[in-house]
Amino acid sequence: MTVTEEITARLTEAFAPEALEVLDESERHRGHAGYREGGESHFRVRIAAPAFAEMSRIERHRAIHAALGPELVGRIHALALEVRG
């Protein structure tokens, strides 16, 4: 399973999102810190779920990181989050 697929599966299970887009933006960071040949180092996640409606921005980010888990987060160099409730 790719990192993109793992992110998608974990966020779908945790939040049942109305919309979810996981973009591997690694190629845009070629030559920068954290870049790995083959990608899967830099991601952008766009997610909309009712679970986020009453959360602050920080609470949303913490919830996403918790859902992904420390092992998966540890394999990602950069994670940009766009979250809507």
Protein backbone atom coordinates (compact mmCIF):
# COMPACT_ATOMS: atom_id res chain seq x y z
CA MET A 1 0.00 0.00 0.00
CA THR A 2 1.37 3.42 -0.91
CA VAL A 3 1.57 6.28 1.56
CA THR A 4 -1.19 8.04 -0.39
CA GLU A 5 -3.43 4.99 0.01
CA GLU A 6 -2.60 4.72 3.73
CA ILE A 7 -3.46 8.39 4.32
CA THR A 8 -6.72 8.00 2.39
CA ALA A 9 -7.72 4.83 4.25
CA ARG A 10 -6.96 6.17 7.73
CA LEU A 11 -8.70 9.51 7.20
CA THR A 12 -11.73 7.84 5.62
CA GLU A 13 -12.03 5.45 8.55
CA ALA A 14 -11.57 8.15 11.18
CA PHE A 15 -13.74 10.95 9.76
CA ALA A 16 -16.08 9.57 7.03
CA PRO A 17 -15.34 12.69 4.97
CA GLU A 18 -17.75 14.26 2.52
CA ALA A 19 -14.73 15.14 0.38
CA LEU A 20 -11.14 13.92 0.53
CA GLU A 21 -8.23 14.59 -1.78
CA VAL A 22 -4.70 13.38 -1.03
CA LEU A 23 -2.09 14.84 -3.36
CA ASP A 24 1.53 13.67 -3.53
CA GLU A 25 3.38 16.94 -4.20
CA SER A 26 6.84 15.40 -3.77
CA GLU A 27 8.00 16.08 -7.33
CA ARG A 28 7.46 19.81 -6.76
CA HIS A 29 10.10 19.58 -4.01
CA ARG A 30 12.84 17.80 -5.97
CA GLY A 31 16.19 19.04 -4.70
CA HIS A 32 14.73 20.35 -1.43
CA ALA A 33 15.15 18.95 2.06
CA GLY A 34 13.26 15.75 2.69
CA TYR A 35 12.77 14.85 -0.97
CA ARG A 36 13.07 11.13 -1.70
CA GLU A 37 13.46 9.59 -5.14
CA GLY A 38 10.14 8.00 -6.02
CA GLY A 39 8.11 10.58 -4.10
CA GLU A 40 5.81 9.98 -1.16
CA SER A 41 7.51 12.58 1.02
CA HIS A 42 5.43 15.76 0.57
CA PHE A 43 1.62 15.70 0.70
CA ARG A 44 -1.36 18.04 0.57
CA VAL A 45 -4.63 16.82 2.09
CA ARG A 46 -7.95 18.51 1.40
CA ILE A 47 -10.68 17.13 3.61
CA ALA A 48 -14.23 18.12 4.54
CA ALA A 49 -16.10 16.29 7.28
CA PRO A 50 -18.82 17.17 9.79
CA ALA A 51 -16.51 15.98 12.59
CA PHE A 52 -14.41 19.12 12.10
CA ALA A 53 -17.31 21.60 12.39
CA GLU A 54 -16.83 22.48 16.05
CA MET A 55 -13.03 22.17 16.12
CA SER A 56 -10.48 24.96 16.01
CA ARG A 57 -7.77 24.86 13.36
CA ILE A 58 -5.28 23.40 15.82
CA GLU A 59 -7.76 20.77 17.02
CA ARG A 60 -8.41 19.75 13.41
CA HIS A 61 -4.70 19.34 12.70
CA ARG A 62 -4.15 17.37 15.91
CA ALA A 63 -7.09 15.09 15.09
CA ILE A 64 -5.70 14.38 11.62
CA HIS A 65 -2.22 13.66 12.97
CA ALA A 66 -3.72 11.34 15.61
CA ALA A 67 -5.75 9.49 12.96
CA LEU A 68 -2.67 9.02 10.79
CA GLY A 69 -0.60 7.81 13.73
CA PRO A 70 3.03 8.52 14.63
CA GLU A 71 4.48 5.78 12.41
CA LEU A 72 2.86 7.11 9.24
CA VAL A 73 3.46 10.77 10.14
CA GLY A 74 7.11 9.88 10.75
CA ARG A 75 7.46 8.75 7.12
CA ILE A 76 6.12 12.04 5.75
CA HIS A 77 8.46 15.02 5.43
CA ALA A 78 5.75 17.63 4.79
CA LEU A 79 1.97 17.56 5.23
CA ALA A 80 -0.12 20.55 4.17
CA LEU A 81 -3.70 20.42 5.47
CA GLU A 82 -6.80 22.17 4.12
CA VAL A 83 -9.64 21.22 6.47
CA ARG A 84 -13.32 22.18 6.39
CA GLY A 85 -16.07 21.24 8.79
